[in-house]
Amino acid sequence: MHPIIAKTFGGLSASYYFRHLVFGAMFPIFMFLILHQSNRSLQISMVLMAIVNTLLYPYARFVYESIMDFILGKNVFFVNALLMLAMKLMTMLLCWAFAIFVAPVGLAYLYFRRR
């Protein structure tokens, strides 16, 4: 494997990547189910974008979690569970939707951290 690819895409642990890949896969699944129910056709560009965003979602989530760890530190907040779940779902959706733009930041960070 090329060293650049190994240092960037291999920068996350397999369990972390797989966990977030599973969570990231729920968005295109729901999107395709809704489109199927409404009898709309799937465009190949939409499918390709969903695949790319899903594969890059763990790296975008890594960037988001790194930023939140930096801002919040090790503090613990006690909030309403439904509010927290709604906010978590919203951040997951935003990370998935913008993964193609956010993930390169995480990949660059992983590359320079593993040099």
PDB file of N, CA and C in Angstrom:
ATOM      1  N   MET A   1       0.849  -1.176   0.000  1.00  0.00           N
ATOM      2  CA  MET A   1       0.000   0.000   0.000  1.00  0.00           C
ATOM      3  C   MET A   1       0.897   1.244   0.000  1.00  0.00           C
ATOM      4  N   HIS A   2       0.522   2.230  -0.734  1.00  0.00           N
ATOM      5  CA  HIS A   2       1.288   3.459  -0.810  1.00  0.00           C
ATOM      6  C   HIS A   2       1.344   4.116   0.569  1.00  0.00           C
ATOM      7  N   PRO A   3       2.507   4.667   0.973  1.00  0.00           N
ATOM      8  CA  PRO A   3       2.643   5.231   2.317  1.00  0.00           C
ATOM      9  C   PRO A   3       1.667   6.372   2.621  1.00  0.00           C
ATOM     10  N   ILE A   4       1.356   7.186   1.638  1.00  0.00           N
ATOM     11  CA  ILE A   4       0.423   8.298   1.876  1.00  0.00           C
ATOM     12  C   ILE A   4      -0.964   7.751   2.201  1.00  0.00           C
ATOM     13  N   ILE A   5      -1.399   6.738   1.457  1.00  0.00           N
ATOM     14  CA  ILE A   5      -2.716   6.137   1.703  1.00  0.00           C
ATOM     15  C   ILE A   5      -2.734   5.448   3.067  1.00  0.00           C
ATOM     16  N   ALA A   6      -1.645   4.755   3.397  1.00  0.00           N
ATOM     17  CA  ALA A   6      -1.577   4.058   4.684  1.00  0.00           C
ATOM     18  C   ALA A   6      -1.601   5.039   5.839  1.00  0.00           C
ATOM     19  N   LYS A   7      -0.947   6.197   5.684  1.00  0.00           N
ATOM     20  CA  LYS A   7      -0.894   7.174   6.775  1.00  0.00           C
ATOM     21  C   LYS A   7      -2.185   7.962   6.921  1.00  0.00           C
ATOM     22  N   THR A   8      -2.955   8.097   5.854  1.00  0.00           N
ATOM     23  CA  THR A   8      -4.193   8.870   5.949  1.00  0.00           C
ATOM     24  C   THR A   8      -5.382   7.966   6.218  1.00  0.00           C
ATOM     25  N   PHE A   9      -5.705   7.104   5.287  1.00  0.00           N
ATOM     26  CA  PHE A   9      -6.892   6.266   5.428  1.00  0.00           C
ATOM     27  C   PHE A   9      -6.717   5.180   6.483  1.00  0.00           C
ATOM     28  N   GLY A  10      -5.484   4.836   6.820  1.00  0.00           N
ATOM     29  CA  GLY A  10      -5.236   3.855   7.870  1.00  0.00           C
ATOM     30  C   GLY A  10      -5.047   4.492   9.231  1.00  0.00           C
ATOM     31  N   GLY A  11      -5.306   5.785   9.340  1.00  0.00           N
ATOM     32  CA  GLY A  11      -5.067   6.511  10.581  1.00  0.00           C
ATOM     33  C   GLY A  11      -6.078   6.255  11.678  1.00  0.00           C
ATOM     34  N   LEU A  12      -7.268   5.820  11.327  1.00  0.00           N
ATOM     35  CA  LEU A  12      -8.290   5.515  12.330  1.00  0.00           C
ATOM     36  C   LEU A  12      -8.271   4.023  12.625  1.00  0.00           C
ATOM     37  N   SER A  13      -8.608   3.674  13.850  1.00  0.00           N
ATOM     38  CA  SER A  13      -8.674   2.242  14.174  1.00  0.00           C
ATOM     39  C   SER A  13      -9.827   1.612  13.403  1.00  0.00           C
ATOM     40  N   ALA A  14      -9.709   0.327  13.174  1.00  0.00           N
ATOM     41  CA  ALA A  14     -10.734  -0.385  12.410  1.00  0.00           C
ATOM     42  C   ALA A  14     -12.082  -0.356  13.121  1.00  0.00           C
ATOM     43  N   SER A  15     -12.075  -0.483  14.446  1.00  0.00           N
ATOM     44  CA  SER A  15     -13.342  -0.467  15.179  1.00  0.00           C
ATOM     45  C   SER A  15     -14.008   0.903  15.117  1.00  0.00           C
ATOM     46  N   TYR A  16     -13.206   1.972  15.214  1.00  0.00           N
ATOM     47  CA  TYR A  16     -13.745   3.333  15.127  1.00  0.00           C
ATOM     48  C   TYR A  16     -14.329   3.573  13.739  1.00  0.00           C
ATOM     49  N   TYR A  17     -13.579   3.192  12.706  1.00  0.00           N
ATOM     50  CA  TYR A  17     -14.041   3.394  11.340  1.00  0.00           C
ATOM     51  C   TYR A  17     -15.324   2.611  11.072  1.00  0.00           C
ATOM     52  N   PHE A  18     -15.346   1.331  11.466  1.00  0.00           N
ATOM     53  CA  PHE A  18     -16.522   0.499  11.201  1.00  0.00           C
ATOM     54  C   PHE A  18     -17.745   1.009  11.959  1.00  0.00           C
ATOM     55  N   ARG A  19     -17.558   1.416  13.214  1.00  0.00           N
ATOM     56  CA  ARG A  19     -18.677   1.929  14.013  1.00  0.00           C
ATOM     57  C   ARG A  19     -19.310   3.133  13.336  1.00  0.00           C
ATOM     58  N   HIS A  20     -18.474   4.078  12.910  1.00  0.00           N
ATOM     59  CA  HIS A  20     -19.013   5.277  12.276  1.00  0.00           C
ATOM     60  C   HIS A  20     -19.489   5.007  10.854  1.00  0.00           C
ATOM     61  N   LEU A  21     -18.931   4.031  10.211  1.00  0.00           N
ATOM     62  CA  LEU A  21     -19.417   3.644   8.885  1.00  0.00           C
ATOM     63  C   LEU A  21     -20.842   3.106   8.976  1.00  0.00           C
ATOM     64  N   VAL A  22     -21.108   2.323  10.003  1.00  0.00           N
ATOM     65  CA  VAL A  22     -22.461   1.792  10.206  1.00  0.00           C
ATOM     66  C   VAL A  22     -23.440   2.933  10.474  1.00  0.00           C
ATOM     67  N   PHE A  23     -23.052   3.862  11.360  1.00  0.00           N
ATOM     68  CA  PHE A  23     -23.930   4.999  11.641  1.00  0.00           C
ATOM     69  C   PHE A  23     -24.105   5.886  10.409  1.00  0.00           C
ATOM     70  N   GLY A  24     -23.036   6.062   9.641  1.00  0.00           N
ATOM     71  CA  GLY A  24     -23.117   6.883   8.441  1.00  0.00           C
ATOM     72  C   GLY A  24     -23.944   6.245   7.341  1.00  0.00           C
ATOM     73  N   ALA A  25     -24.016   4.927   7.331  1.00  0.00           N
ATOM     74  CA  ALA A  25     -24.780   4.229   6.293  1.00  0.00           C
ATOM     75  C   ALA A  25     -26.281   4.363   6.490  1.00  0.00           C
ATOM     76  N   MET A  26     -26.705   4.735   7.688  1.00  0.00           N
ATOM     77  CA  MET A  26     -28.157   4.838   7.901  1.00  0.00           C
ATOM     78  C   MET A  26     -28.763   6.015   7.133  1.00  0.00           C
ATOM     79  N   PHE A  27     -28.010   7.056   6.866  1.00  0.00           N
ATOM     80  CA  PHE A  27     -28.562   8.208   6.151  1.00  0.00           C
ATOM     81  C   PHE A  27     -28.881   7.895   4.691  1.00  0.00           C
ATOM     82  N   PRO A  28     -27.964   7.293   3.923  1.00  0.00           N
ATOM     83  CA  PRO A  28     -28.361   6.964   2.546  1.00  0.00           C
ATOM     84  C   PRO A  28     -29.426   5.875   2.486  1.00  0.00           C
ATOM     85  N   ILE A  29     -29.412   4.966   3.455  1.00  0.00           N
ATOM     86  CA  ILE A  29     -30.454   3.933   3.466  1.00  0.00           C
ATOM     87  C   ILE A  29     -31.824   4.578   3.632  1.00  0.00           C
ATOM     88  N   PHE A  30     -31.960   5.474   4.609  1.00  0.00           N
ATOM     89  CA  PHE A  30     -33.231   6.175   4.802  1.00  0.00           C
ATOM     90  C   PHE A  30     -33.588   7.022   3.582  1.00  0.00           C
ATOM     91  N   MET A  31     -32.585   7.687   3.011  1.00  0.00           N
ATOM     92  CA  MET A  31     -32.830   8.529   1.845  1.00  0.00           C
ATOM     93  C   MET A  31     -33.329   7.690   0.667  1.00  0.00           C
ATOM     94  N   PHE A  32     -32.695   6.544   0.425  1.00  0.00           N
ATOM     95  CA  PHE A  32     -33.110   5.699  -0.680  1.00  0.00           C
ATOM     96  C   PHE A  32     -34.471   5.072  -0.425  1.00  0.00           C
ATOM     97  N   LEU A  33     -34.770   4.728   0.834  1.00  0.00           N
ATOM     98  CA  LEU A  33     -36.090   4.193   1.159  1.00  0.00           C
ATOM     99  C   LEU A  33     -37.185   5.233   0.920  1.00  0.00           C
ATOM    100  N   ILE A  34     -36.925   6.469   1.310  1.00  0.00           N
ATOM    101  CA  ILE A  34     -37.908   7.534   1.089  1.00  0.00           C
ATOM    102  C   ILE A  34     -38.101   7.781  -0.400  1.00  0.00           C
ATOM    103  N   LEU A  35     -37.019   7.803  -1.157  1.00  0.00           N
ATOM    104  CA  LEU A  35     -37.135   7.983  -2.604  1.00  0.00           C
ATOM    105  C   LEU A  35     -37.868   6.821  -3.250  1.00  0.00           C
ATOM    106  N   HIS A  36     -37.625   5.618  -2.756  1.00  0.00           N
ATOM    107  CA  HIS A  36     -38.314   4.438  -3.299  1.00  0.00           C
ATOM    108  C   HIS A  36     -39.819   4.491  -2.992  1.00  0.00           C
ATOM    109  N   GLN A  37     -40.164   4.931  -1.803  1.00  0.00           N
ATOM    110  CA  GLN A  37     -41.577   5.034  -1.420  1.00  0.00           C
ATOM    111  C   GLN A  37     -42.309   6.090  -2.235  1.00  0.00           C
ATOM    112  N   SER A  38     -41.596   7.152  -2.621  1.00  0.00           N
ATOM    113  CA  SER A  38     -42.231   8.219  -3.394  1.00  0.00           C
ATOM    114  C   SER A  38     -42.168   7.968  -4.897  1.00  0.00           C
ATOM    115  N   ASN A  39     -41.677   6.788  -5.289  1.00  0.00           N
ATOM    116  CA  ASN A  39     -41.585   6.391  -6.707  1.00  0.00           C
ATOM    117  C   ASN A  39     -40.720   7.338  -7.531  1.00  0.00           C
ATOM    118  N   ARG A  40     -39.729   7.928  -6.903  1.00  0.00           N
ATOM    119  CA  ARG A  40     -38.758   8.747  -7.645  1.00  0.00           C
ATOM    120  C   ARG A  40     -37.590   7.866  -8.056  1.00  0.00           C
ATOM    121  N   SER A  41     -36.987   8.221  -9.158  1.00  0.00           N
ATOM    122  CA  SER A  41     -35.859   7.429  -9.637  1.00  0.00           C
ATOM    123  C   SER A  41     -34.567   7.892  -8.971  1.00  0.00           C
ATOM    124  N   LEU A  42     -33.673   6.945  -8.802  1.00  0.00           N
ATOM    125  CA  LEU A  42     -32.365   7.256  -8.236  1.00  0.00           C
ATOM    126  C   LEU A  42     -31.426   7.665  -9.360  1.00  0.00           C
ATOM    127  N   GLN A  43     -30.795   8.797  -9.183  1.00  0.00           N
ATOM    128  CA  GLN A  43     -29.807   9.233 -10.164  1.00  0.00           C
ATOM    129  C   GLN A  43     -28.451   8.662  -9.758  1.00  0.00           C
ATOM    130  N   ILE A  44     -27.655   8.315 -10.746  1.00  0.00           N
ATOM    131  CA  ILE A  44     -26.347   7.721 -10.463  1.00  0.00           C
ATOM    132  C   ILE A  44     -25.464   8.694  -9.698  1.00  0.00           C
ATOM    133  N   SER A  45     -25.577   9.979  -9.962  1.00  0.00           N
ATOM    134  CA  SER A  45     -24.771  10.965  -9.232  1.00  0.00           C
ATOM    135  C   SER A  45     -25.153  11.000  -7.755  1.00  0.00           C
ATOM    136  N   MET A  46     -26.442  10.817  -7.467  1.00  0.00           N
ATOM    137  CA  MET A  46     -26.896  10.799  -6.073  1.00  0.00           C
ATOM    138  C   MET A  46     -26.357   9.564  -5.360  1.00  0.00           C
ATOM    139  N   VAL A  47     -26.361   8.443  -6.040  1.00  0.00           N
ATOM    140  CA  VAL A  47     -25.859   7.208  -5.445  1.00  0.00           C
ATOM    141  C   VAL A  47     -24.355   7.311  -5.202  1.00  0.00           C
ATOM    142  N   LEU A  48     -23.613   7.836  -6.169  1.00  0.00           N
ATOM    143  CA  LEU A  48     -22.167   7.986  -6.009  1.00  0.00           C
ATOM    144  C   LEU A  48     -21.827   8.944  -4.874  1.00  0.00           C
ATOM    145  N   MET A  49     -22.561  10.056  -4.790  1.00  0.00           N
ATOM    146  CA  MET A  49     -22.319  11.020  -3.718  1.00  0.00           C
ATOM    147  C   MET A  49     -22.632  10.398  -2.358  1.00  0.00           C
ATOM    148  N   ALA A  50     -23.686   9.611  -2.280  1.00  0.00           N
ATOM    149  CA  ALA A  50     -24.030   8.941  -1.021  1.00  0.00           C
ATOM    150  C   ALA A  50     -22.948   7.942  -0.619  1.00  0.00           C
ATOM    151  N   ILE A  51     -22.405   7.214  -1.576  1.00  0.00           N
ATOM    152  CA  ILE A  51     -21.342   6.249  -1.284  1.00  0.00           C
ATOM    153  C   ILE A  51     -20.089   6.965  -0.801  1.00  0.00           C
ATOM    154  N   VAL A  52     -19.700   8.033  -1.502  1.00  0.00           N
ATOM    155  CA  VAL A  52     -18.502   8.788  -1.108  1.00  0.00           C
ATOM    156  C   VAL A  52     -18.685   9.388   0.277  1.00  0.00           C
ATOM    157  N   ASN A  53     -19.838  10.021   0.528  1.00  0.00           N
ATOM    158  CA  ASN A  53     -20.080  10.622   1.842  1.00  0.00           C
ATOM    159  C   ASN A  53     -20.091   9.573   2.945  1.00  0.00           C
ATOM    160  N   THR A  54     -20.642   8.405   2.656  1.00  0.00           N
ATOM    161  CA  THR A  54     -20.687   7.352   3.666  1.00  0.00           C
ATOM    162  C   THR A  54     -19.285   6.834   3.975  1.00  0.00           C
ATOM    163  N   LEU A  55     -18.456   6.657   2.957  1.00  0.00           N
ATOM    164  CA  LEU A  55     -17.091   6.175   3.185  1.00  0.00           C
ATOM    165  C   LEU A  55     -16.222   7.214   3.882  1.00  0.00           C
ATOM    166  N   LEU A  56     -16.499   8.502   3.641  1.00  0.00           N
ATOM    167  CA  LEU A  56     -15.716   9.562   4.269  1.00  0.00           C
ATOM    168  C   LEU A  56     -16.294  10.030   5.606  1.00  0.00           C
ATOM    169  N   TYR A  57     -17.503   9.597   5.933  1.00  0.00           N
ATOM    170  CA  TYR A  57     -18.155  10.039   7.164  1.00  0.00           C
ATOM    171  C   TYR A  57     -17.318   9.791   8.420  1.00  0.00           C
ATOM    172  N   PRO A  58     -16.670   8.630   8.586  1.00  0.00           N
ATOM    173  CA  PRO A  58     -15.874   8.441   9.806  1.00  0.00           C
ATOM    174  C   PRO A  58     -14.762   9.487   9.967  1.00  0.00           C
ATOM    175  N   TYR A  59     -14.185   9.942   8.864  1.00  0.00           N
ATOM    176  CA  TYR A  59     -13.135  10.956   8.951  1.00  0.00           C
ATOM    177  C   TYR A  59     -13.722  12.330   9.277  1.00  0.00           C
ATOM    178  N   ALA A  60     -14.890  12.634   8.738  1.00  0.00           N
ATOM    179  CA  ALA A  60     -15.562  13.886   9.079  1.00  0.00           C
ATOM    180  C   ALA A  60     -15.980  13.874  10.542  1.00  0.00           C
ATOM    181  N   ARG A  61     -16.455  12.742  11.021  1.00  0.00           N
ATOM    182  CA  ARG A  61     -16.849  12.627  12.423  1.00  0.00           C
ATOM    183  C   ARG A  61     -15.633  12.751  13.334  1.00  0.00           C
ATOM    184  N   PHE A  62     -14.496  12.231  12.885  1.00  0.00           N
ATOM    185  CA  PHE A  62     -13.244  12.371  13.637  1.00  0.00           C
ATOM    186  C   PHE A  62     -12.883  13.844  13.796  1.00  0.00           C
ATOM    187  N   VAL A  63     -13.040  14.629  12.721  1.00  0.00           N
ATOM    188  CA  VAL A  63     -12.756  16.064  12.793  1.00  0.00           C
ATOM    189  C   VAL A  63     -13.706  16.728  13.782  1.00  0.00           C
ATOM    190  N   TYR A  64     -14.995  16.427  13.680  1.00  0.00           N
ATOM    191  CA  TYR A  64     -15.983  17.021  14.573  1.00  0.00           C
ATOM    192  C   TYR A  64     -15.682  16.670  16.028  1.00  0.00           C
ATOM    193  N   GLU A  65     -15.413  15.406  16.304  1.00  0.00           N
ATOM    194  CA  GLU A  65     -15.150  14.991  17.681  1.00  0.00           C
ATOM    195  C   GLU A  65     -13.849  15.584  18.209  1.00  0.00           C
ATOM    196  N   SER A  66     -12.853  15.748  17.357  1.00  0.00           N
ATOM    197  CA  SER A  66     -11.600  16.375  17.781  1.00  0.00           C
ATOM    198  C   SER A  66     -11.814  17.834  18.153  1.00  0.00           C
ATOM    199  N   ILE A  67     -12.601  18.538  17.348  1.00  0.00           N
ATOM    200  CA  ILE A  67     -12.890  19.940  17.645  1.00  0.00           C
ATOM    201  C   ILE A  67     -13.689  20.055  18.940  1.00  0.00           C
ATOM    202  N   MET A  68     -14.686  19.190  19.114  1.00  0.00           N
ATOM    203  CA  MET A  68     -15.500  19.244  20.330  1.00  0.00           C
ATOM    204  C   MET A  68     -14.678  18.873  21.561  1.00  0.00           C
ATOM    205  N   ASP A  69     -13.763  17.916  21.438  1.00  0.00           N
ATOM    206  CA  ASP A  69     -12.889  17.581  22.562  1.00  0.00           C
ATOM    207  C   ASP A  69     -11.997  18.750  22.925  1.00  0.00           C
ATOM    208  N   PHE A  70     -11.514  19.479  21.921  1.00  0.00           N
ATOM    209  CA  PHE A  70     -10.680  20.643  22.182  1.00  0.00           C
ATOM    210  C   PHE A  70     -11.467  21.740  22.890  1.00  0.00           C
ATOM    211  N   ILE A  71     -12.700  21.991  22.424  1.00  0.00           N
ATOM    212  CA  ILE A  71     -13.511  23.069  22.994  1.00  0.00           C
ATOM    213  C   ILE A  71     -14.030  22.702  24.382  1.00  0.00           C
ATOM    214  N   LEU A  72     -14.582  21.509  24.537  1.00  0.00           N
ATOM    215  CA  LEU A  72     -15.236  21.130  25.785  1.00  0.00           C
ATOM    216  C   LEU A  72     -14.312  20.474  26.792  1.00  0.00           C
ATOM    217  N   GLY A  73     -13.212  19.904  26.329  1.00  0.00           N
ATOM    218  CA  GLY A  73     -12.321  19.205  27.242  1.00  0.00           C
ATOM    219  C   GLY A  73     -12.978  17.952  27.775  1.00  0.00           C
ATOM    220  N   LYS A  74     -12.735  17.656  29.028  1.00  0.00           N
ATOM    221  CA  LYS A  74     -13.295  16.453  29.659  1.00  0.00           C
ATOM    222  C   LYS A  74     -14.508  16.790  30.528  1.00  0.00           C
ATOM    223  N   ASN A  75     -15.171  17.895  30.257  1.00  0.00           N
ATOM    224  CA  ASN A  75     -16.341  18.286  31.032  1.00  0.00           C
ATOM    225  C   ASN A  75     -17.525  17.379  30.732  1.00  0.00           C
ATOM    226  N   VAL A  76     -18.407  17.259  31.702  1.00  0.00           N
ATOM    227  CA  VAL A  76     -19.614  16.460  31.556  1.00  0.00           C
ATOM    228  C   VAL A  76     -20.807  17.389  31.721  1.00  0.00           C
ATOM    229  N   PHE A  77     -21.762  17.286  30.798  1.00  0.00           N
ATOM    230  CA  PHE A  77     -22.960  18.111  30.853  1.00  0.00           C
ATOM    231  C   PHE A  77     -24.167  17.202  31.051  1.00  0.00           C
ATOM    232  N   PHE A  78     -25.067  17.634  31.908  1.00  0.00           N
ATOM    233  CA  PHE A  78     -26.295  16.886  32.154  1.00  0.00           C
ATOM    234  C   PHE A  78     -27.435  17.633  31.482  1.00  0.00           C
ATOM    235  N   VAL A  79     -28.011  17.014  30.443  1.00  0.00           N
ATOM    236  CA  VAL A  79     -29.093  17.635  29.689  1.00  0.00           C
ATOM    237  C   VAL A  79     -30.180  16.589  29.449  1.00  0.00           C
ATOM    238  N   ASN A  80     -31.282  17.060  28.953  1.00  0.00           N
ATOM    239  CA  ASN A  80     -32.402  16.196  28.594  1.00  0.00           C
ATOM    240  C   ASN A  80     -31.932  15.180  27.543  1.00  0.00           C
ATOM    241  N   ALA A  81     -32.265  13.907  27.754  1.00  0.00           N
ATOM    242  CA  ALA A  81     -31.809  12.841  26.860  1.00  0.00           C
ATOM    243  C   ALA A  81     -32.365  13.005  25.445  1.00  0.00           C
ATOM    244  N   LEU A  82     -33.636  13.396  25.320  1.00  0.00           N
ATOM    245  CA  LEU A  82     -34.214  13.572  23.986  1.00  0.00           C
ATOM    246  C   LEU A  82     -33.548  14.724  23.243  1.00  0.00           C
ATOM    247  N   LEU A  83     -33.258  15.800  23.957  1.00  0.00           N
ATOM    248  CA  LEU A  83     -32.550  16.921  23.339  1.00  0.00           C
ATOM    249  C   LEU A  83     -31.165  16.492  22.883  1.00  0.00           C
ATOM    250  N   MET A  84     -30.483  15.738  23.726  1.00  0.00           N
ATOM    251  CA  MET A  84     -29.144  15.283  23.379  1.00  0.00           C
ATOM    252  C   MET A  84     -29.161  14.342  22.174  1.00  0.00           C
ATOM    253  N   LEU A  85     -30.120  13.433  22.130  1.00  0.00           N
ATOM    254  CA  LEU A  85     -30.225  12.532  20.981  1.00  0.00           C
ATOM    255  C   LEU A  85     -30.559  13.280  19.701  1.00  0.00           C
ATOM    256  N   ALA A  86     -31.432  14.285  19.805  1.00  0.00           N
ATOM    257  CA  ALA A  86     -31.776  15.087  18.630  1.00  0.00           C
ATOM    258  C   ALA A  86     -30.561  15.859  18.135  1.00  0.00           C
ATOM    259  N   MET A  87     -29.794  16.422  19.056  1.00  0.00           N
ATOM    260  CA  MET A  87     -28.592  17.163  18.660  1.00  0.00           C
ATOM    261  C   MET A  87     -27.541  16.224  18.064  1.00  0.00           C
ATOM    262  N   LYS A  88     -27.417  15.049  18.639  1.00  0.00           N
ATOM    263  CA  LYS A  88     -26.456  14.077  18.116  1.00  0.00           C
ATOM    264  C   LYS A  88     -26.841  13.641  16.704  1.00  0.00           C
ATOM    265  N   LEU A  89     -28.122  13.386  16.487  1.00  0.00           N
ATOM    266  CA  LEU A  89     -28.593  13.006  15.158  1.00  0.00           C
ATOM    267  C   LEU A  89     -28.353  14.139  14.156  1.00  0.00           C
ATOM    268  N   MET A  90     -28.586  15.373  14.593  1.00  0.00           N
ATOM    269  CA  MET A  90     -28.369  16.516  13.701  1.00  0.00           C
ATOM    270  C   MET A  90     -26.889  16.660  13.347  1.00  0.00           C
ATOM    271  N   THR A  91     -26.000  16.507  14.335  1.00  0.00           N
ATOM    272  CA  THR A  91     -24.570  16.617  14.033  1.00  0.00           C
ATOM    273  C   THR A  91     -24.101  15.467  13.151  1.00  0.00           C
ATOM    274  N   MET A  92     -24.676  14.285  13.361  1.00  0.00           N
ATOM    275  CA  MET A  92     -24.326  13.154  12.501  1.00  0.00           C
ATOM    276  C   MET A  92     -24.762  13.412  11.063  1.00  0.00           C
ATOM    277  N   LEU A  93     -25.972  13.943  10.900  1.00  0.00           N
ATOM    278  CA  LEU A  93     -26.467  14.248   9.557  1.00  0.00           C
ATOM    279  C   LEU A  93     -25.609  15.316   8.885  1.00  0.00           C
ATOM    280  N   LEU A  94     -25.236  16.348   9.627  1.00  0.00           N
ATOM    281  CA  LEU A  94     -24.393  17.404   9.058  1.00  0.00           C
ATOM    282  C   LEU A  94     -23.010  16.873   8.699  1.00  0.00           C
ATOM    283  N   CYS A  95     -22.441  16.035   9.560  1.00  0.00           N
ATOM    284  CA  CYS A  95     -21.137  15.446   9.243  1.00  0.00           C
ATOM    285  C   CYS A  95     -21.223  14.560   8.008  1.00  0.00           C
ATOM    286  N   TRP A  96     -22.326  13.812   7.876  1.00  0.00           N
ATOM    287  CA  TRP A  96     -22.476  12.965   6.691  1.00  0.00           C
ATOM    288  C   TRP A  96     -22.678  13.815   5.436  1.00  0.00           C
ATOM    289  N   ALA A  97     -23.523  14.831   5.522  1.00  0.00           N
ATOM    290  CA  ALA A  97     -23.827  15.655   4.346  1.00  0.00           C
ATOM    291  C   ALA A  97     -22.606  16.413   3.848  1.00  0.00           C
ATOM    292  N   PHE A  98     -21.749  16.849   4.761  1.00  0.00           N
ATOM    293  CA  PHE A  98     -20.576  17.634   4.372  1.00  0.00           C
ATOM    294  C   PHE A  98     -19.280  16.839   4.472  1.00  0.00           C
ATOM    295  N   ALA A  99     -19.380  15.518   4.512  1.00  0.00           N
ATOM    296  CA  ALA A  99     -18.194  14.677   4.672  1.00  0.00           C
ATOM    297  C   ALA A  99     -17.185  14.882   3.557  1.00  0.00           C
ATOM    298  N   ILE A 100     -17.652  15.116   2.355  1.00  0.00           N
ATOM    299  CA  ILE A 100     -16.737  15.287   1.229  1.00  0.00           C
ATOM    300  C   ILE A 100     -15.888  16.554   1.376  1.00  0.00           C
ATOM    301  N   PHE A 101     -16.383  17.511   2.158  1.00  0.00           N
ATOM    302  CA  PHE A 101     -15.639  18.749   2.378  1.00  0.00           C
ATOM    303  C   PHE A 101     -14.844  18.722   3.683  1.00  0.00           C
ATOM    304  N   VAL A 102     -15.364  18.054   4.701  1.00  0.00           N
ATOM    305  CA  VAL A 102     -14.742  18.049   6.031  1.00  0.00           C
ATOM    306  C   VAL A 102     -13.686  16.960   6.161  1.00  0.00           C
ATOM    307  N   ALA A 103     -13.917  15.810   5.562  1.00  0.00           N
ATOM    308  CA  ALA A 103     -13.013  14.673   5.711  1.00  0.00           C
ATOM    309  C   ALA A 103     -11.580  14.956   5.249  1.00  0.00           C
ATOM    310  N   PRO A 104     -11.344  15.736   4.191  1.00  0.00           N
ATOM    311  CA  PRO A 104      -9.953  16.018   3.826  1.00  0.00           C
ATOM    312  C   PRO A 104      -9.144  16.686   4.946  1.00  0.00           C
ATOM    313  N   VAL A 105      -9.813  17.463   5.789  1.00  0.00           N
ATOM    314  CA  VAL A 105      -9.120  18.068   6.939  1.00  0.00           C
ATOM    315  C   VAL A 105      -8.657  16.963   7.880  1.00  0.00           C
ATOM    316  N   GLY A 106      -9.528  16.007   8.164  1.00  0.00           N
ATOM    317  CA  GLY A 106      -9.166  14.890   9.026  1.00  0.00           C
ATOM    318  C   GLY A 106      -8.092  14.012   8.411  1.00  0.00           C
ATOM    319  N   LEU A 107      -8.189  13.782   7.112  1.00  0.00           N
ATOM    320  CA  LEU A 107      -7.175  12.966   6.441  1.00  0.00           C
ATOM    321  C   LEU A 107      -5.810  13.650   6.470  1.00  0.00           C
ATOM    322  N   ALA A 108      -5.789  14.962   6.264  1.00  0.00           N
ATOM    323  CA  ALA A 108      -4.527  15.703   6.338  1.00  0.00           C
ATOM    324  C   ALA A 108      -3.951  15.649   7.745  1.00  0.00           C
ATOM    325  N   TYR A 109      -4.799  15.810   8.757  1.00  0.00           N
ATOM    326  CA  TYR A 109      -4.339  15.737  10.144  1.00  0.00           C
ATOM    327  C   TYR A 109      -3.762  14.363  10.454  1.00  0.00           C
ATOM    328  N   LEU A 110      -4.462  13.307  10.034  1.00  0.00           N
ATOM    329  CA  LEU A 110      -3.953  11.955  10.281  1.00  0.00           C
ATOM    330  C   LEU A 110      -2.640  11.712   9.567  1.00  0.00           C
ATOM    331  N   TYR A 111      -2.489  12.247   8.376  1.00  0.00           N
ATOM    332  CA  TYR A 111      -1.231  12.085   7.643  1.00  0.00           C
ATOM    333  C   TYR A 111      -0.083  12.748   8.396  1.00  0.00           C
ATOM    334  N   PHE A 112      -0.273  13.995   8.834  1.00  0.00           N
ATOM    335  CA  PHE A 112       0.812  14.705   9.507  1.00  0.00           C
ATOM    336  C   PHE A 112       1.060  14.160  10.913  1.00  0.00           C
ATOM    337  N   ARG A 113       0.048  13.627  11.546  1.00  0.00           N
ATOM    338  CA  ARG A 113       0.229  13.047  12.889  1.00  0.00           C
ATOM    339  C   ARG A 113       1.013  11.740  12.819  1.00  0.00           C
ATOM    340  N   ARG A 114       0.854  10.985  11.759  1.00  0.00           N
ATOM    341  CA  ARG A 114       1.520   9.682  11.637  1.00  0.00           C
ATOM    342  C   ARG A 114       2.855   9.742  10.915  1.00  0.00           C
ATOM    343  N   ARG A 115       3.320  10.941  10.553  1.00  0.00           N
ATOM    344  CA  ARG A 115       4.609  11.050   9.863  1.00  0.00           C
ATOM    345  C   ARG A 115       5.763  10.763  10.775  1.00  0.00           C
TER     346      ARG A 115
END
